[in-house]
């Protein structure tokens, strides 16, 4: 499956192929064809002050 991934601090996201998560007995896996974005997504993409102090990223 594909996912937008925040790999490091800074502007932007990376579109990557990632393994499908394992689902448990009480979980569901939903195929998404389209999605929207919210204000938080814009903060994370642009890497503003809020995102820098709130969102953990790999070092």
PDB file of N, CA and C in Angstrom:
ATOM      1  N   UNK A   1       0.845  -1.169   0.000  1.00  0.00           N
ATOM      2  CA  UNK A   1       0.000   0.000   0.000  1.00  0.00           C
ATOM      3  C   UNK A   1       0.892   1.234   0.000  1.00  0.00           C
ATOM      4  N   UNK A   2       0.330   2.361  -0.360  1.00  0.00           N
ATOM      5  CA  UNK A   2       1.105   3.603  -0.387  1.00  0.00           C
ATOM      6  C   UNK A   2       0.695   4.491   0.777  1.00  0.00           C
ATOM      7  N   UNK A   3       1.674   5.265   1.263  1.00  0.00           N
ATOM      8  CA  UNK A   3       1.421   6.165   2.387  1.00  0.00           C
ATOM      9  C   UNK A   3       2.287   7.400   2.245  1.00  0.00           C
ATOM     10  N   UNK A   4       1.761   8.536   2.685  1.00  0.00           N
ATOM     11  CA  UNK A   4       2.582   9.737   2.812  1.00  0.00           C
ATOM     12  C   UNK A   4       3.288   9.649   4.151  1.00  0.00           C
ATOM     13  N   UNK A   5       4.610   9.764   4.127  1.00  0.00           N
ATOM     14  CA  UNK A   5       5.429   9.540   5.316  1.00  0.00           C
ATOM     15  C   UNK A   5       6.257  10.784   5.612  1.00  0.00           C
ATOM     16  N   UNK A   6       6.272  11.182   6.872  1.00  0.00           N
ATOM     17  CA  UNK A   6       7.156  12.257   7.335  1.00  0.00           C
ATOM     18  C   UNK A   6       8.428  11.579   7.807  1.00  0.00           C
ATOM     19  N   UNK A   7       9.485  11.639   6.982  1.00  0.00           N
ATOM     20  CA  UNK A   7      10.709  10.901   7.282  1.00  0.00           C
ATOM     21  C   UNK A   7      11.704  11.683   8.127  1.00  0.00           C
ATOM     22  N   UNK A   8      11.618  13.005   8.092  1.00  0.00           N
ATOM     23  CA  UNK A   8      12.575  13.832   8.821  1.00  0.00           C
ATOM     24  C   UNK A   8      11.967  15.205   9.048  1.00  0.00           C
ATOM     25  N   UNK A   9      12.454  15.940  10.038  1.00  0.00           N
ATOM     26  CA  UNK A   9      11.982  17.311  10.230  1.00  0.00           C
ATOM     27  C   UNK A   9      12.234  18.136   8.972  1.00  0.00           C
ATOM     28  N   UNK A  10      11.322  19.038   8.663  1.00  0.00           N
ATOM     29  CA  UNK A  10      11.466  19.894   7.492  1.00  0.00           C
ATOM     30  C   UNK A  10      10.236  19.817   6.618  1.00  0.00           C
ATOM     31  N   UNK A  11      10.183  20.670   5.615  1.00  0.00           N
ATOM     32  CA  UNK A  11       9.025  20.745   4.737  1.00  0.00           C
ATOM     33  C   UNK A  11       8.907  19.500   3.880  1.00  0.00           C
ATOM     34  N   UNK A  12       7.663  19.096   3.624  1.00  0.00           N
ATOM     35  CA  UNK A  12       7.385  18.024   2.684  1.00  0.00           C
ATOM     36  C   UNK A  12       7.073  16.685   3.326  1.00  0.00           C
ATOM     37  N   UNK A  13       6.565  15.798   2.485  1.00  0.00           N
ATOM     38  CA  UNK A  13       6.254  14.419   2.835  1.00  0.00           C
ATOM     39  C   UNK A  13       6.773  13.544   1.704  1.00  0.00           C
ATOM     40  N   UNK A  14       6.914  12.247   1.953  1.00  0.00           N
ATOM     41  CA  UNK A  14       7.385  11.314   0.938  1.00  0.00           C
ATOM     42  C   UNK A  14       6.306  10.275   0.682  1.00  0.00           C
ATOM     43  N   UNK A  15       5.964  10.041  -0.596  1.00  0.00           N
ATOM     44  CA  UNK A  15       5.022   8.984  -0.954  1.00  0.00           C
ATOM     45  C   UNK A  15       5.812   7.688  -1.066  1.00  0.00           C
ATOM     46  N   UNK A  16       5.467   6.709  -0.225  1.00  0.00           N
ATOM     47  CA  UNK A  16       6.228   5.459  -0.172  1.00  0.00           C
ATOM     48  C   UNK A  16       5.297   4.259  -0.242  1.00  0.00           C
ATOM     49  N   UNK A  17       5.837   3.163  -0.743  1.00  0.00           N
ATOM     50  CA  UNK A  17       5.162   1.877  -0.619  1.00  0.00           C
ATOM     51  C   UNK A  17       5.525   1.318   0.749  1.00  0.00           C
ATOM     52  N   UNK A  18       4.516   0.964   1.523  1.00  0.00           N
ATOM     53  CA  UNK A  18       4.736   0.420   2.862  1.00  0.00           C
ATOM     54  C   UNK A  18       3.959  -0.892   2.979  1.00  0.00           C
ATOM     55  N   UNK A  19       4.389  -1.790   3.856  1.00  0.00           N
ATOM     56  CA  UNK A  19       3.651  -3.048   4.018  1.00  0.00           C
ATOM     57  C   UNK A  19       2.267  -2.794   4.606  1.00  0.00           C
ATOM     58  N   UNK A  20       1.311  -3.613   4.187  1.00  0.00           N
ATOM     59  CA  UNK A  20      -0.017  -3.515   4.792  1.00  0.00           C
ATOM     60  C   UNK A  20       0.097  -3.911   6.258  1.00  0.00           C
ATOM     61  N   UNK A  21      -0.573  -3.173   7.131  1.00  0.00           N
ATOM     62  CA  UNK A  21      -0.498  -3.519   8.554  1.00  0.00           C
ATOM     63  C   UNK A  21      -1.205  -4.843   8.826  1.00  0.00           C
ATOM     64  N   UNK A  22      -0.724  -5.558   9.824  1.00  0.00           N
ATOM     65  CA  UNK A  22      -1.426  -6.764  10.248  1.00  0.00           C
ATOM     66  C   UNK A  22      -2.651  -6.330  11.038  1.00  0.00           C
ATOM     67  N   UNK A  23      -3.768  -6.959  10.744  1.00  0.00           N
ATOM     68  CA  UNK A  23      -4.990  -6.590  11.447  1.00  0.00           C
ATOM     69  C   UNK A  23      -5.322  -7.669  12.475  1.00  0.00           C
ATOM     70  N   UNK A  24      -5.807  -7.219  13.600  1.00  0.00           N
ATOM     71  CA  UNK A  24      -6.176  -8.124  14.681  1.00  0.00           C
ATOM     72  C   UNK A  24      -7.629  -8.553  14.567  1.00  0.00           C
ATOM     73  N   UNK A  25      -8.088  -9.372  15.496  1.00  0.00           N
ATOM     74  CA  UNK A  25      -9.456  -9.900  15.434  1.00  0.00           C
ATOM     75  C   UNK A  25     -10.533  -8.818  15.578  1.00  0.00           C
ATOM     76  N   UNK A  26     -10.203  -7.679  16.172  1.00  0.00           N
ATOM     77  CA  UNK A  26     -11.188  -6.610  16.349  1.00  0.00           C
ATOM     78  C   UNK A  26     -10.905  -5.413  15.449  1.00  0.00           C
ATOM     79  N   UNK A  27     -10.063  -5.597  14.422  1.00  0.00           N
ATOM     80  CA  UNK A  27      -9.670  -4.508  13.521  1.00  0.00           C
ATOM     81  C   UNK A  27     -10.315  -4.687  12.154  1.00  0.00           C
ATOM     82  N   UNK A  28     -10.321  -3.620  11.381  1.00  0.00           N
ATOM     83  CA  UNK A  28     -10.738  -3.677   9.978  1.00  0.00           C
ATOM     84  C   UNK A  28      -9.684  -2.961   9.146  1.00  0.00           C
ATOM     85  N   UNK A  29      -9.531  -3.372   7.902  1.00  0.00           N
ATOM     86  CA  UNK A  29      -8.647  -2.710   6.959  1.00  0.00           C
ATOM     87  C   UNK A  29      -9.533  -2.129   5.870  1.00  0.00           C
ATOM     88  N   UNK A  30      -9.441  -0.825   5.658  1.00  0.00           N
ATOM     89  CA  UNK A  30     -10.312  -0.122   4.717  1.00  0.00           C
ATOM     90  C   UNK A  30      -9.489   0.370   3.545  1.00  0.00           C
ATOM     91  N   UNK A  31      -9.945   0.096   2.323  1.00  0.00           N
ATOM     92  CA  UNK A  31      -9.288   0.612   1.128  1.00  0.00           C
ATOM     93  C   UNK A  31      -9.830   2.020   0.867  1.00  0.00           C
ATOM     94  N   UNK A  32      -8.940   2.980   0.790  1.00  0.00           N
ATOM     95  CA  UNK A  32      -9.316   4.378   0.586  1.00  0.00           C
ATOM     96  C   UNK A  32      -9.025   4.754  -0.863  1.00  0.00           C
ATOM     97  N   UNK A  33     -10.019   5.269  -1.562  1.00  0.00           N
ATOM     98  CA  UNK A  33      -9.840   5.699  -2.951  1.00  0.00           C
ATOM     99  C   UNK A  33      -9.542   7.189  -3.042  1.00  0.00           C
ATOM    100  N   UNK A  34     -10.100   7.958  -2.141  1.00  0.00           N
ATOM    101  CA  UNK A  34      -9.872   9.406  -2.092  1.00  0.00           C
ATOM    102  C   UNK A  34      -9.957   9.839  -0.636  1.00  0.00           C
ATOM    103  N   UNK A  35      -9.296  10.948  -0.343  1.00  0.00           N
ATOM    104  CA  UNK A  35      -9.354  11.461   1.021  1.00  0.00           C
ATOM    105  C   UNK A  35      -9.205  12.976   0.998  1.00  0.00           C
ATOM    106  N   UNK A  36      -9.542  13.592   2.069  1.00  0.00           N
ATOM    107  CA  UNK A  36      -9.345  15.031   2.217  1.00  0.00           C
ATOM    108  C   UNK A  36      -8.175  15.295   3.148  1.00  0.00           C
ATOM    109  N   UNK A  37      -7.867  16.556   3.309  1.00  0.00           N
ATOM    110  CA  UNK A  37      -6.828  16.941   4.256  1.00  0.00           C
ATOM    111  C   UNK A  37      -7.422  17.944   5.238  1.00  0.00           C
ATOM    112  N   UNK A  38      -6.783  18.079   6.378  1.00  0.00           N
ATOM    113  CA  UNK A  38      -7.244  19.049   7.367  1.00  0.00           C
ATOM    114  C   UNK A  38      -6.111  20.012   7.686  1.00  0.00           C
ATOM    115  N   UNK A  39      -6.378  20.966   8.537  1.00  0.00           N
ATOM    116  CA  UNK A  39      -5.383  21.968   8.883  1.00  0.00           C
ATOM    117  C   UNK A  39      -4.121  21.374   9.484  1.00  0.00           C
ATOM    118  N   UNK A  40      -4.271  20.309  10.268  1.00  0.00           N
ATOM    119  CA  UNK A  40      -3.100  19.657  10.850  1.00  0.00           C
ATOM    120  C   UNK A  40      -2.175  19.126   9.764  1.00  0.00           C
ATOM    121  N   UNK A  41      -2.744  18.573   8.690  1.00  0.00           N
ATOM    122  CA  UNK A  41      -1.924  18.070   7.578  1.00  0.00           C
ATOM    123  C   UNK A  41      -1.067  19.183   6.977  1.00  0.00           C
ATOM    124  N   UNK A  42      -1.624  20.375   6.853  1.00  0.00           N
ATOM    125  CA  UNK A  42      -0.880  21.514   6.298  1.00  0.00           C
ATOM    126  C   UNK A  42       0.268  21.899   7.239  1.00  0.00           C
ATOM    127  N   UNK A  43      -0.001  21.903   8.542  1.00  0.00           N
ATOM    128  CA  UNK A  43       1.061  22.206   9.517  1.00  0.00           C
ATOM    129  C   UNK A  43       2.217  21.208   9.395  1.00  0.00           C
ATOM    130  N   UNK A  44       1.883  19.929   9.278  1.00  0.00           N
ATOM    131  CA  UNK A  44       2.919  18.896   9.202  1.00  0.00           C
ATOM    132  C   UNK A  44       3.682  19.003   7.890  1.00  0.00           C
ATOM    133  N   UNK A  45       2.996  19.213   6.771  1.00  0.00           N
ATOM    134  CA  UNK A  45       3.681  19.333   5.479  1.00  0.00           C
ATOM    135  C   UNK A  45       4.625  20.535   5.472  1.00  0.00           C
ATOM    136  N   UNK A  46       4.145  21.681   5.968  1.00  0.00           N
ATOM    137  CA  UNK A  46       4.965  22.901   5.908  1.00  0.00           C
ATOM    138  C   UNK A  46       6.005  22.963   7.031  1.00  0.00           C
ATOM    139  N   UNK A  47       5.861  22.105   8.016  1.00  0.00           N
ATOM    140  CA  UNK A  47       6.767  22.002   9.168  1.00  0.00           C
ATOM    141  C   UNK A  47       6.929  23.342   9.881  1.00  0.00           C
ATOM    142  N   UNK A  48       5.783  23.870  10.322  1.00  0.00           N
ATOM    143  CA  UNK A  48       5.803  25.135  11.056  1.00  0.00           C
ATOM    144  C   UNK A  48       6.172  24.892  12.525  1.00  0.00           C
ATOM    145  N   UNK A  49       6.138  25.956  13.325  1.00  0.00           N
ATOM    146  CA  UNK A  49       6.555  25.861  14.730  1.00  0.00           C
ATOM    147  C   UNK A  49       5.713  24.849  15.504  1.00  0.00           C
ATOM    148  N   UNK A  50       4.404  24.806  15.240  1.00  0.00           N
ATOM    149  CA  UNK A  50       3.536  23.852  15.929  1.00  0.00           C
ATOM    150  C   UNK A  50       3.967  22.420  15.635  1.00  0.00           C
ATOM    151  N   UNK A  51       4.174  22.097  14.361  1.00  0.00           N
ATOM    152  CA  UNK A  51       4.568  20.738  13.983  1.00  0.00           C
ATOM    153  C   UNK A  51       5.921  20.374  14.581  1.00  0.00           C
ATOM    154  N   UNK A  52       6.847  21.309  14.562  1.00  0.00           N
ATOM    155  CA  UNK A  52       8.197  21.036  15.059  1.00  0.00           C
ATOM    156  C   UNK A  52       8.198  20.645  16.535  1.00  0.00           C
ATOM    157  N   UNK A  53       7.279  21.204  17.318  1.00  0.00           N
ATOM    158  CA  UNK A  53       7.267  20.870  18.747  1.00  0.00           C
ATOM    159  C   UNK A  53       6.270  19.758  19.077  1.00  0.00           C
ATOM    160  N   UNK A  54       5.428  19.351  18.115  1.00  0.00           N
ATOM    161  CA  UNK A  54       4.364  18.397  18.402  1.00  0.00           C
ATOM    162  C   UNK A  54       4.554  17.031  17.751  1.00  0.00           C
ATOM    163  N   UNK A  55       5.086  16.989  16.545  1.00  0.00           N
ATOM    164  CA  UNK A  55       5.127  15.759  15.751  1.00  0.00           C
ATOM    165  C   UNK A  55       6.486  15.074  15.886  1.00  0.00           C
ATOM    166  N   UNK A  56       6.509  13.832  16.392  1.00  0.00           N
ATOM    167  CA  UNK A  56       7.787  13.123  16.458  1.00  0.00           C
ATOM    168  C   UNK A  56       8.200  12.637  15.073  1.00  0.00           C
ATOM    169  N   UNK A  57       9.478  12.766  14.751  1.00  0.00           N
ATOM    170  CA  UNK A  57      10.013  12.253  13.487  1.00  0.00           C
ATOM    171  C   UNK A  57      11.280  11.465  13.774  1.00  0.00           C
ATOM    172  N   UNK A  58      11.626  10.540  12.879  1.00  0.00           N
ATOM    173  CA  UNK A  58      12.892   9.818  13.070  1.00  0.00           C
ATOM    174  C   UNK A  58      14.072  10.778  13.011  1.00  0.00           C
ATOM    175  N   UNK A  59      15.103  10.499  13.749  1.00  0.00           N
ATOM    176  CA  UNK A  59      16.298  11.354  13.745  1.00  0.00           C
ATOM    177  C   UNK A  59      17.199  11.010  12.584  1.00  0.00           C
TER     178      UNK A  59
END
